[in-house]
Amino acid sequence: ADALEAAGFDRAIADRAMFAGAERY
């Protein structure tokens, strides 16, 4: 979350796309 925020993203992005992220990974 700290890295997301430092790069200008919403800290909660990862929580919203866990399943899609796993499939793409």
mmCIF file of all heavy atoms, coordinates in Angstrom:
data_MODEL
# 
_entry.id   MODEL 
# 
loop_
_atom_site.group_PDB 
_atom_site.id 
_atom_site.type_symbol 
_atom_site.label_atom_id 
_atom_site.label_alt_id 
_atom_site.label_comp_id 
_atom_site.label_asym_id 
_atom_site.label_entity_id 
_atom_site.label_seq_id 
_atom_site.pdbx_PDB_ins_code 
_atom_site.Cartn_x 
_atom_site.Cartn_y 
_atom_site.Cartn_z 
_atom_site.occupancy 
_atom_site.B_iso_or_equiv 
_atom_site.pdbx_formal_charge 
_atom_site.auth_seq_id 
_atom_site.auth_comp_id 
_atom_site.auth_asym_id 
_atom_site.auth_atom_id 
_atom_site.pdbx_PDB_model_num 
ATOM 1   N N   . ALA A 1 1  ? 0.830   -1.210  0.000   1.00 0.00 ? 1  ALA A N   1 
ATOM 2   C CA  . ALA A 1 1  ? 0.000   0.000   0.000   1.00 0.00 ? 1  ALA A CA  1 
ATOM 3   C C   . ALA A 1 1  ? 0.864   1.260   0.000   1.00 0.00 ? 1  ALA A C   1 
ATOM 4   O O   . ALA A 1 1  ? 0.547   2.241   -0.688  1.00 0.00 ? 1  ALA A O   1 
ATOM 5   C CB  . ALA A 1 1  ? -0.928  -0.002  1.204   1.00 0.00 ? 1  ALA A CB  1 
ATOM 6   N N   . ASP A 1 2  ? 1.960   1.246   0.756   1.00 0.00 ? 2  ASP A N   1 
ATOM 7   C CA  . ASP A 1 2  ? 2.870   2.401   0.772   1.00 0.00 ? 2  ASP A CA  1 
ATOM 8   C C   . ASP A 1 2  ? 3.455   2.649   -0.617  1.00 0.00 ? 2  ASP A C   1 
ATOM 9   O O   . ASP A 1 2  ? 3.566   3.796   -1.060  1.00 0.00 ? 2  ASP A O   1 
ATOM 10  C CB  . ASP A 1 2  ? 4.014   2.168   1.770   1.00 0.00 ? 2  ASP A CB  1 
ATOM 11  C CG  . ASP A 1 2  ? 3.562   2.291   3.218   1.00 0.00 ? 2  ASP A CG  1 
ATOM 12  O OD1 . ASP A 1 2  ? 2.442   2.767   3.472   1.00 0.00 ? 2  ASP A OD1 1 
ATOM 13  O OD2 . ASP A 1 2  ? 4.358   1.898   4.102   1.00 0.00 ? 2  ASP A OD2 1 
ATOM 14  N N   . ALA A 1 3  ? 3.845   1.559   -1.302  1.00 0.00 ? 3  ALA A N   1 
ATOM 15  C CA  . ALA A 1 3  ? 4.420   1.706   -2.637  1.00 0.00 ? 3  ALA A CA  1 
ATOM 16  C C   . ALA A 1 3  ? 3.385   2.224   -3.626  1.00 0.00 ? 3  ALA A C   1 
ATOM 17  O O   . ALA A 1 3  ? 3.692   3.072   -4.480  1.00 0.00 ? 3  ALA A O   1 
ATOM 18  C CB  . ALA A 1 3  ? 4.996   0.370   -3.106  1.00 0.00 ? 3  ALA A CB  1 
ATOM 19  N N   . LEU A 1 4  ? 2.162   1.727   -3.524  1.00 0.00 ? 4  LEU A N   1 
ATOM 20  C CA  . LEU A 1 4  ? 1.090   2.223   -4.394  1.00 0.00 ? 4  LEU A CA  1 
ATOM 21  C C   . LEU A 1 4  ? 0.871   3.719   -4.192  1.00 0.00 ? 4  LEU A C   1 
ATOM 22  O O   . LEU A 1 4  ? 0.806   4.493   -5.152  1.00 0.00 ? 4  LEU A O   1 
ATOM 23  C CB  . LEU A 1 4  ? -0.205  1.464   -4.095  1.00 0.00 ? 4  LEU A CB  1 
ATOM 24  C CG  . LEU A 1 4  ? -0.324  0.050   -4.658  1.00 0.00 ? 4  LEU A CG  1 
ATOM 25  C CD1 . LEU A 1 4  ? -1.452  -0.716  -3.969  1.00 0.00 ? 4  LEU A CD1 1 
ATOM 26  C CD2 . LEU A 1 4  ? -0.558  0.078   -6.170  1.00 0.00 ? 4  LEU A CD2 1 
ATOM 27  N N   . GLU A 1 5  ? 0.769   4.129   -2.953  1.00 0.00 ? 5  GLU A N   1 
ATOM 28  C CA  . GLU A 1 5  ? 0.519   5.540   -2.649  1.00 0.00 ? 5  GLU A CA  1 
ATOM 29  C C   . GLU A 1 5  ? 1.672   6.423   -3.126  1.00 0.00 ? 5  GLU A C   1 
ATOM 30  O O   . GLU A 1 5  ? 1.448   7.491   -3.700  1.00 0.00 ? 5  GLU A O   1 
ATOM 31  C CB  . GLU A 1 5  ? 0.308   5.707   -1.149  1.00 0.00 ? 5  GLU A CB  1 
ATOM 32  C CG  . GLU A 1 5  ? -0.076  7.117   -0.740  1.00 0.00 ? 5  GLU A CG  1 
ATOM 33  C CD  . GLU A 1 5  ? -0.390  7.199   0.743   1.00 0.00 ? 5  GLU A CD  1 
ATOM 34  O OE1 . GLU A 1 5  ? 0.464   6.789   1.565   1.00 0.00 ? 5  GLU A OE1 1 
ATOM 35  O OE2 . GLU A 1 5  ? -1.491  7.662   1.074   1.00 0.00 ? 5  GLU A OE2 1 
ATOM 36  N N   . ALA A 1 6  ? 2.902   5.967   -2.899  1.00 0.00 ? 6  ALA A N   1 
ATOM 37  C CA  . ALA A 1 6  ? 4.064   6.761   -3.308  1.00 0.00 ? 6  ALA A CA  1 
ATOM 38  C C   . ALA A 1 6  ? 4.123   6.947   -4.823  1.00 0.00 ? 6  ALA A C   1 
ATOM 39  O O   . ALA A 1 6  ? 4.656   7.946   -5.313  1.00 0.00 ? 6  ALA A O   1 
ATOM 40  C CB  . ALA A 1 6  ? 5.348   6.098   -2.810  1.00 0.00 ? 6  ALA A CB  1 
ATOM 41  N N   . ALA A 1 7  ? 3.556   5.984   -5.562  1.00 0.00 ? 7  ALA A N   1 
ATOM 42  C CA  . ALA A 1 7  ? 3.569   6.074   -7.024  1.00 0.00 ? 7  ALA A CA  1 
ATOM 43  C C   . ALA A 1 7  ? 2.302   6.720   -7.585  1.00 0.00 ? 7  ALA A C   1 
ATOM 44  O O   . ALA A 1 7  ? 2.103   6.749   -8.799  1.00 0.00 ? 7  ALA A O   1 
ATOM 45  C CB  . ALA A 1 7  ? 3.743   4.678   -7.621  1.00 0.00 ? 7  ALA A CB  1 
ATOM 46  N N   . GLY A 1 8  ? 1.454   7.239   -6.702  1.00 0.00 ? 8  GLY A N   1 
ATOM 47  C CA  . GLY A 1 8  ? 0.279   7.966   -7.151  1.00 0.00 ? 8  GLY A CA  1 
ATOM 48  C C   . GLY A 1 8  ? -0.976  7.141   -7.342  1.00 0.00 ? 8  GLY A C   1 
ATOM 49  O O   . GLY A 1 8  ? -1.942  7.606   -7.956  1.00 0.00 ? 8  GLY A O   1 
ATOM 50  N N   . PHE A 1 9  ? -0.985  5.926   -6.807  1.00 0.00 ? 9  PHE A N   1 
ATOM 51  C CA  . PHE A 1 9  ? -2.164  5.065   -6.910  1.00 0.00 ? 9  PHE A CA  1 
ATOM 52  C C   . PHE A 1 9  ? -2.921  5.030   -5.582  1.00 0.00 ? 9  PHE A C   1 
ATOM 53  O O   . PHE A 1 9  ? -2.374  5.352   -4.532  1.00 0.00 ? 9  PHE A O   1 
ATOM 54  C CB  . PHE A 1 9  ? -1.753  3.636   -7.282  1.00 0.00 ? 9  PHE A CB  1 
ATOM 55  C CG  . PHE A 1 9  ? -1.159  3.488   -8.653  1.00 0.00 ? 9  PHE A CG  1 
ATOM 56  C CD1 . PHE A 1 9  ? 0.223   3.447   -8.824  1.00 0.00 ? 9  PHE A CD1 1 
ATOM 57  C CD2 . PHE A 1 9  ? -1.970  3.400   -9.770  1.00 0.00 ? 9  PHE A CD2 1 
ATOM 58  C CE1 . PHE A 1 9  ? 0.788   3.311   -10.088 1.00 0.00 ? 9  PHE A CE1 1 
ATOM 59  C CE2 . PHE A 1 9  ? -1.414  3.261   -11.037 1.00 0.00 ? 9  PHE A CE2 1 
ATOM 60  C CZ  . PHE A 1 9  ? -0.038  3.220   -11.195 1.00 0.00 ? 9  PHE A CZ  1 
ATOM 61  N N   . ASP A 1 10 ? -4.158  4.582   -5.655  1.00 0.00 ? 10 ASP A N   1 
ATOM 62  C CA  . ASP A 1 10 ? -4.974  4.364   -4.466  1.00 0.00 ? 10 ASP A CA  1 
ATOM 63  C C   . ASP A 1 10 ? -4.364  3.208   -3.671  1.00 0.00 ? 10 ASP A C   1 
ATOM 64  O O   . ASP A 1 10 ? -4.067  2.151   -4.236  1.00 0.00 ? 10 ASP A O   1 
ATOM 65  C CB  . ASP A 1 10 ? -6.396  4.015   -4.914  1.00 0.00 ? 10 ASP A CB  1 
ATOM 66  C CG  . ASP A 1 10 ? -7.368  3.823   -3.762  1.00 0.00 ? 10 ASP A CG  1 
ATOM 67  O OD1 . ASP A 1 10 ? -6.931  3.659   -2.606  1.00 0.00 ? 10 ASP A OD1 1 
ATOM 68  O OD2 . ASP A 1 10 ? -8.583  3.820   -4.022  1.00 0.00 ? 10 ASP A OD2 1 
ATOM 69  N N   . ARG A 1 11 ? -4.205  3.383   -2.388  1.00 0.00 ? 11 ARG A N   1 
ATOM 70  C CA  . ARG A 1 11 ? -3.622  2.350   -1.538  1.00 0.00 ? 11 ARG A CA  1 
ATOM 71  C C   . ARG A 1 11 ? -4.414  1.035   -1.580  1.00 0.00 ? 11 ARG A C   1 
ATOM 72  O O   . ARG A 1 11 ? -3.864  -0.034  -1.363  1.00 0.00 ? 11 ARG A O   1 
ATOM 73  C CB  . ARG A 1 11 ? -3.572  2.824   -0.079  1.00 0.00 ? 11 ARG A CB  1 
ATOM 74  C CG  . ARG A 1 11 ? -2.586  3.924   0.194   1.00 0.00 ? 11 ARG A CG  1 
ATOM 75  C CD  . ARG A 1 11 ? -2.656  4.364   1.647   1.00 0.00 ? 11 ARG A CD  1 
ATOM 76  N NE  . ARG A 1 11 ? -2.237  3.303   2.568   1.00 0.00 ? 11 ARG A NE  1 
ATOM 77  C CZ  . ARG A 1 11 ? -0.978  3.101   2.953   1.00 0.00 ? 11 ARG A CZ  1 
ATOM 78  N NH1 . ARG A 1 11 ? -0.014  3.876   2.484   1.00 0.00 ? 11 ARG A NH1 1 
ATOM 79  N NH2 . ARG A 1 11 ? -0.693  2.135   3.817   1.00 0.00 ? 11 ARG A NH2 1 
ATOM 80  N N   . ALA A 1 12 ? -5.705  1.123   -1.875  1.00 0.00 ? 12 ALA A N   1 
ATOM 81  C CA  . ALA A 1 12 ? -6.571  -0.056  -1.799  1.00 0.00 ? 12 ALA A CA  1 
ATOM 82  C C   . ALA A 1 12 ? -6.744  -0.780  -3.134  1.00 0.00 ? 12 ALA A C   1 
ATOM 83  O O   . ALA A 1 12 ? -7.545  -1.695  -3.236  1.00 0.00 ? 12 ALA A O   1 
ATOM 84  C CB  . ALA A 1 12 ? -7.942  0.341   -1.255  1.00 0.00 ? 12 ALA A CB  1 
ATOM 85  N N   . ILE A 1 13 ? -5.993  -0.383  -4.145  1.00 0.00 ? 13 ILE A N   1 
ATOM 86  C CA  . ILE A 1 13 ? -6.158  -0.996  -5.469  1.00 0.00 ? 13 ILE A CA  1 
ATOM 87  C C   . ILE A 1 13 ? -6.044  -2.515  -5.411  1.00 0.00 ? 13 ILE A C   1 
ATOM 88  O O   . ILE A 1 13 ? -6.848  -3.240  -6.004  1.00 0.00 ? 13 ILE A O   1 
ATOM 89  C CB  . ILE A 1 13 ? -5.123  -0.430  -6.465  1.00 0.00 ? 13 ILE A CB  1 
ATOM 90  C CG1 . ILE A 1 13 ? -5.604  0.913   -7.018  1.00 0.00 ? 13 ILE A CG1 1 
ATOM 91  C CG2 . ILE A 1 13 ? -4.890  -1.397  -7.618  1.00 0.00 ? 13 ILE A CG2 1 
ATOM 92  C CD1 . ILE A 1 13 ? -4.646  1.529   -8.012  1.00 0.00 ? 13 ILE A CD1 1 
ATOM 93  N N   . ALA A 1 14 ? -5.036  -3.009  -4.739  1.00 0.00 ? 14 ALA A N   1 
ATOM 94  C CA  . ALA A 1 14 ? -4.776  -4.445  -4.744  1.00 0.00 ? 14 ALA A CA  1 
ATOM 95  C C   . ALA A 1 14 ? -5.965  -5.235  -4.209  1.00 0.00 ? 14 ALA A C   1 
ATOM 96  O O   . ALA A 1 14 ? -6.269  -6.329  -4.704  1.00 0.00 ? 14 ALA A O   1 
ATOM 97  C CB  . ALA A 1 14 ? -3.527  -4.761  -3.932  1.00 0.00 ? 14 ALA A CB  1 
ATOM 98  N N   . ASP A 1 15 ? -6.665  -4.691  -3.229  1.00 0.00 ? 15 ASP A N   1 
ATOM 99  C CA  . ASP A 1 15 ? -7.802  -5.393  -2.641  1.00 0.00 ? 15 ASP A CA  1 
ATOM 100 C C   . ASP A 1 15 ? -8.967  -5.528  -3.609  1.00 0.00 ? 15 ASP A C   1 
ATOM 101 O O   . ASP A 1 15 ? -9.794  -6.433  -3.478  1.00 0.00 ? 15 ASP A O   1 
ATOM 102 C CB  . ASP A 1 15 ? -8.285  -4.652  -1.389  1.00 0.00 ? 15 ASP A CB  1 
ATOM 103 C CG  . ASP A 1 15 ? -7.217  -4.598  -0.305  1.00 0.00 ? 15 ASP A CG  1 
ATOM 104 O OD1 . ASP A 1 15 ? -6.383  -5.517  -0.271  1.00 0.00 ? 15 ASP A OD1 1 
ATOM 105 O OD2 . ASP A 1 15 ? -7.237  -3.639  0.482   1.00 0.00 ? 15 ASP A OD2 1 
ATOM 106 N N   . ARG A 1 16 ? -9.029  -4.650  -4.595  1.00 0.00 ? 16 ARG A N   1 
ATOM 107 C CA  . ARG A 1 16 ? -10.175 -4.644  -5.504  1.00 0.00 ? 16 ARG A CA  1 
ATOM 108 C C   . ARG A 1 16 ? -10.004 -5.579  -6.696  1.00 0.00 ? 16 ARG A C   1 
ATOM 109 O O   . ARG A 1 16 ? -10.935 -5.744  -7.482  1.00 0.00 ? 16 ARG A O   1 
ATOM 110 C CB  . ARG A 1 16 ? -10.419 -3.216  -6.014  1.00 0.00 ? 16 ARG A CB  1 
ATOM 111 C CG  . ARG A 1 16 ? -10.815 -2.255  -4.914  1.00 0.00 ? 16 ARG A CG  1 
ATOM 112 C CD  . ARG A 1 16 ? -11.474 -1.017  -5.490  1.00 0.00 ? 16 ARG A CD  1 
ATOM 113 N NE  . ARG A 1 16 ? -10.553 -0.178  -6.252  1.00 0.00 ? 16 ARG A NE  1 
ATOM 114 C CZ  . ARG A 1 16 ? -9.831  0.809   -5.723  1.00 0.00 ? 16 ARG A CZ  1 
ATOM 115 N NH1 . ARG A 1 16 ? -9.893  1.050   -4.417  1.00 0.00 ? 16 ARG A NH1 1 
ATOM 116 N NH2 . ARG A 1 16 ? -9.035  1.545   -6.475  1.00 0.00 ? 16 ARG A NH2 1 
ATOM 117 N N   . ALA A 1 17 ? -8.815  -6.143  -6.860  1.00 0.00 ? 17 ALA A N   1 
ATOM 118 C CA  . ALA A 1 17 ? -8.580  -6.924  -8.080  1.00 0.00 ? 17 ALA A CA  1 
ATOM 119 C C   . ALA A 1 17 ? -7.774  -8.190  -7.813  1.00 0.00 ? 17 ALA A C   1 
ATOM 120 O O   . ALA A 1 17 ? -6.999  -8.623  -8.650  1.00 0.00 ? 17 ALA A O   1 
ATOM 121 C CB  . ALA A 1 17 ? -7.871  -6.059  -9.114  1.00 0.00 ? 17 ALA A CB  1 
ATOM 122 N N   . MET A 1 18 ? -7.975  -8.809  -6.656  1.00 0.00 ? 18 MET A N   1 
ATOM 123 C CA  . MET A 1 18 ? -7.182  -9.971  -6.290  1.00 0.00 ? 18 MET A CA  1 
ATOM 124 C C   . MET A 1 18 ? -7.356  -11.127 -7.266  1.00 0.00 ? 18 MET A C   1 
ATOM 125 O O   . MET A 1 18 ? -6.396  -11.719 -7.728  1.00 0.00 ? 18 MET A O   1 
ATOM 126 C CB  . MET A 1 18 ? -7.555  -10.429 -4.872  1.00 0.00 ? 18 MET A CB  1 
ATOM 127 C CG  . MET A 1 18 ? -6.657  -11.520 -4.338  1.00 0.00 ? 18 MET A CG  1 
ATOM 128 S SD  . MET A 1 18 ? -4.915  -11.030 -4.205  1.00 0.00 ? 18 MET A SD  1 
ATOM 129 C CE  . MET A 1 18 ? -5.016  -9.799  -2.912  1.00 0.00 ? 18 MET A CE  1 
ATOM 130 N N   . PHE A 1 19 ? -8.603  -11.440 -7.628  1.00 0.00 ? 19 PHE A N   1 
ATOM 131 C CA  . PHE A 1 19 ? -8.840  -12.595 -8.492  1.00 0.00 ? 19 PHE A CA  1 
ATOM 132 C C   . PHE A 1 19 ? -8.331  -12.335 -9.907  1.00 0.00 ? 19 PHE A C   1 
ATOM 133 O O   . PHE A 1 19 ? -7.713  -13.191 -10.528 1.00 0.00 ? 19 PHE A O   1 
ATOM 134 C CB  . PHE A 1 19 ? -10.317 -12.969 -8.498  1.00 0.00 ? 19 PHE A CB  1 
ATOM 135 C CG  . PHE A 1 19 ? -10.783 -13.491 -7.165  1.00 0.00 ? 19 PHE A CG  1 
ATOM 136 C CD1 . PHE A 1 19 ? -11.673 -12.769 -6.391  1.00 0.00 ? 19 PHE A CD1 1 
ATOM 137 C CD2 . PHE A 1 19 ? -10.306 -14.698 -6.676  1.00 0.00 ? 19 PHE A CD2 1 
ATOM 138 C CE1 . PHE A 1 19 ? -12.088 -13.236 -5.160  1.00 0.00 ? 19 PHE A CE1 1 
ATOM 139 C CE2 . PHE A 1 19 ? -10.716 -15.176 -5.438  1.00 0.00 ? 19 PHE A CE2 1 
ATOM 140 C CZ  . PHE A 1 19 ? -11.613 -14.440 -4.686  1.00 0.00 ? 19 PHE A CZ  1 
ATOM 141 N N   . ALA A 1 20 ? -8.594  -11.152 -10.424 1.00 0.00 ? 20 ALA A N   1 
ATOM 142 C CA  . ALA A 1 20 ? -8.096  -10.810 -11.755 1.00 0.00 ? 20 ALA A CA  1 
ATOM 143 C C   . ALA A 1 20 ? -6.572  -10.808 -11.774 1.00 0.00 ? 20 ALA A C   1 
ATOM 144 O O   . ALA A 1 20 ? -5.949  -11.242 -12.739 1.00 0.00 ? 20 ALA A O   1 
ATOM 145 C CB  . ALA A 1 20 ? -8.636  -9.452  -12.189 1.00 0.00 ? 20 ALA A CB  1 
ATOM 146 N N   . GLY A 1 21 ? -5.980  -10.328 -10.689 1.00 0.00 ? 21 GLY A N   1 
ATOM 147 C CA  . GLY A 1 21 ? -4.523  -10.309 -10.600 1.00 0.00 ? 21 GLY A CA  1 
ATOM 148 C C   . GLY A 1 21 ? -3.948  -11.706 -10.606 1.00 0.00 ? 21 GLY A C   1 
ATOM 149 O O   . GLY A 1 21 ? -2.953  -11.983 -11.284 1.00 0.00 ? 21 GLY A O   1 
ATOM 150 N N   . ALA A 1 22 ? -4.574  -12.616 -9.896  1.00 0.00 ? 22 ALA A N   1 
ATOM 151 C CA  . ALA A 1 22 ? -4.085  -13.990 -9.836  1.00 0.00 ? 22 ALA A CA  1 
ATOM 152 C C   . ALA A 1 22 ? -4.162  -14.651 -11.205 1.00 0.00 ? 22 ALA A C   1 
ATOM 153 O O   . ALA A 1 22 ? -3.234  -15.358 -11.621 1.00 0.00 ? 22 ALA A O   1 
ATOM 154 C CB  . ALA A 1 22 ? -4.891  -14.783 -8.816  1.00 0.00 ? 22 ALA A CB  1 
ATOM 155 N N   . GLU A 1 23 ? -5.255  -14.402 -11.922 1.00 0.00 ? 23 GLU A N   1 
ATOM 156 C CA  . GLU A 1 23 ? -5.419  -15.009 -13.247 1.00 0.00 ? 23 GLU A CA  1 
ATOM 157 C C   . GLU A 1 23 ? -4.373  -14.467 -14.211 1.00 0.00 ? 23 GLU A C   1 
ATOM 158 O O   . GLU A 1 23 ? -3.734  -15.220 -14.952 1.00 0.00 ? 23 GLU A O   1 
ATOM 159 C CB  . GLU A 1 23 ? -6.836  -14.730 -13.755 1.00 0.00 ? 23 GLU A CB  1 
ATOM 160 C CG  . GLU A 1 23 ? -7.205  -15.481 -15.018 1.00 0.00 ? 23 GLU A CG  1 
ATOM 161 C CD  . GLU A 1 23 ? -6.725  -14.807 -16.296 1.00 0.00 ? 23 GLU A CD  1 
ATOM 162 O OE1 . GLU A 1 23 ? -6.592  -13.561 -16.298 1.00 0.00 ? 23 GLU A OE1 1 
ATOM 163 O OE2 . GLU A 1 23 ? -6.479  -15.520 -17.285 1.00 0.00 ? 23 GLU A OE2 1 
ATOM 164 N N   . ARG A 1 24 ? -4.168  -13.157 -14.187 1.00 0.00 ? 24 ARG A N   1 
ATOM 165 C CA  . ARG A 1 24 ? -3.196  -12.544 -15.103 1.00 0.00 ? 24 ARG A CA  1 
ATOM 166 C C   . ARG A 1 24 ? -1.767  -12.948 -14.736 1.00 0.00 ? 24 ARG A C   1 
ATOM 167 O O   . ARG A 1 24 ? -0.929  -13.136 -15.613 1.00 0.00 ? 24 ARG A O   1 
ATOM 168 C CB  . ARG A 1 24 ? -3.351  -11.024 -15.062 1.00 0.00 ? 24 ARG A CB  1 
ATOM 169 C CG  . ARG A 1 24 ? -2.324  -10.238 -15.869 1.00 0.00 ? 24 ARG A CG  1 
ATOM 170 C CD  . ARG A 1 24 ? -2.429  -10.487 -17.360 1.00 0.00 ? 24 ARG A CD  1 
ATOM 171 N NE  . ARG A 1 24 ? -1.292  -9.937  -18.074 1.00 0.00 ? 24 ARG A NE  1 
ATOM 172 C CZ  . ARG A 1 24 ? -1.272  -8.734  -18.644 1.00 0.00 ? 24 ARG A CZ  1 
ATOM 173 N NH1 . ARG A 1 24 ? -2.317  -7.945  -18.566 1.00 0.00 ? 24 ARG A NH1 1 
ATOM 174 N NH2 . ARG A 1 24 ? -0.195  -8.334  -19.297 1.00 0.00 ? 24 ARG A NH2 1 
ATOM 175 N N   . TYR A 1 25 ? -1.498  -13.093 -13.466 1.00 0.00 ? 25 TYR A N   1 
ATOM 176 C CA  . TYR A 1 25 ? -0.163  -13.492 -12.995 1.00 0.00 ? 25 TYR A CA  1 
ATOM 177 C C   . TYR A 1 25 ? 0.213   -14.847 -13.598 1.00 0.00 ? 25 TYR A C   1 
ATOM 178 O O   . TYR A 1 25 ? 1.324   -15.023 -14.105 1.00 0.00 ? 25 TYR A O   1 
ATOM 179 C CB  . TYR A 1 25 ? -0.186  -13.554 -11.480 1.00 0.00 ? 25 TYR A CB  1 
ATOM 180 C CG  . TYR A 1 25 ? 1.136   -13.786 -10.790 1.00 0.00 ? 25 TYR A CG  1 
ATOM 181 C CD1 . TYR A 1 25 ? 2.213   -12.927 -10.990 1.00 0.00 ? 25 TYR A CD1 1 
ATOM 182 C CD2 . TYR A 1 25 ? 1.296   -14.835 -9.896  1.00 0.00 ? 25 TYR A CD2 1 
ATOM 183 C CE1 . TYR A 1 25 ? 3.417   -13.121 -10.324 1.00 0.00 ? 25 TYR A CE1 1 
ATOM 184 C CE2 . TYR A 1 25 ? 2.481   -15.033 -9.221  1.00 0.00 ? 25 TYR A CE2 1 
ATOM 185 C CZ  . TYR A 1 25 ? 3.544   -14.178 -9.446  1.00 0.00 ? 25 TYR A CZ  1 
ATOM 186 O OH  . TYR A 1 25 ? 4.728   -14.377 -8.774  1.00 0.00 ? 25 TYR A OH  1 
# 
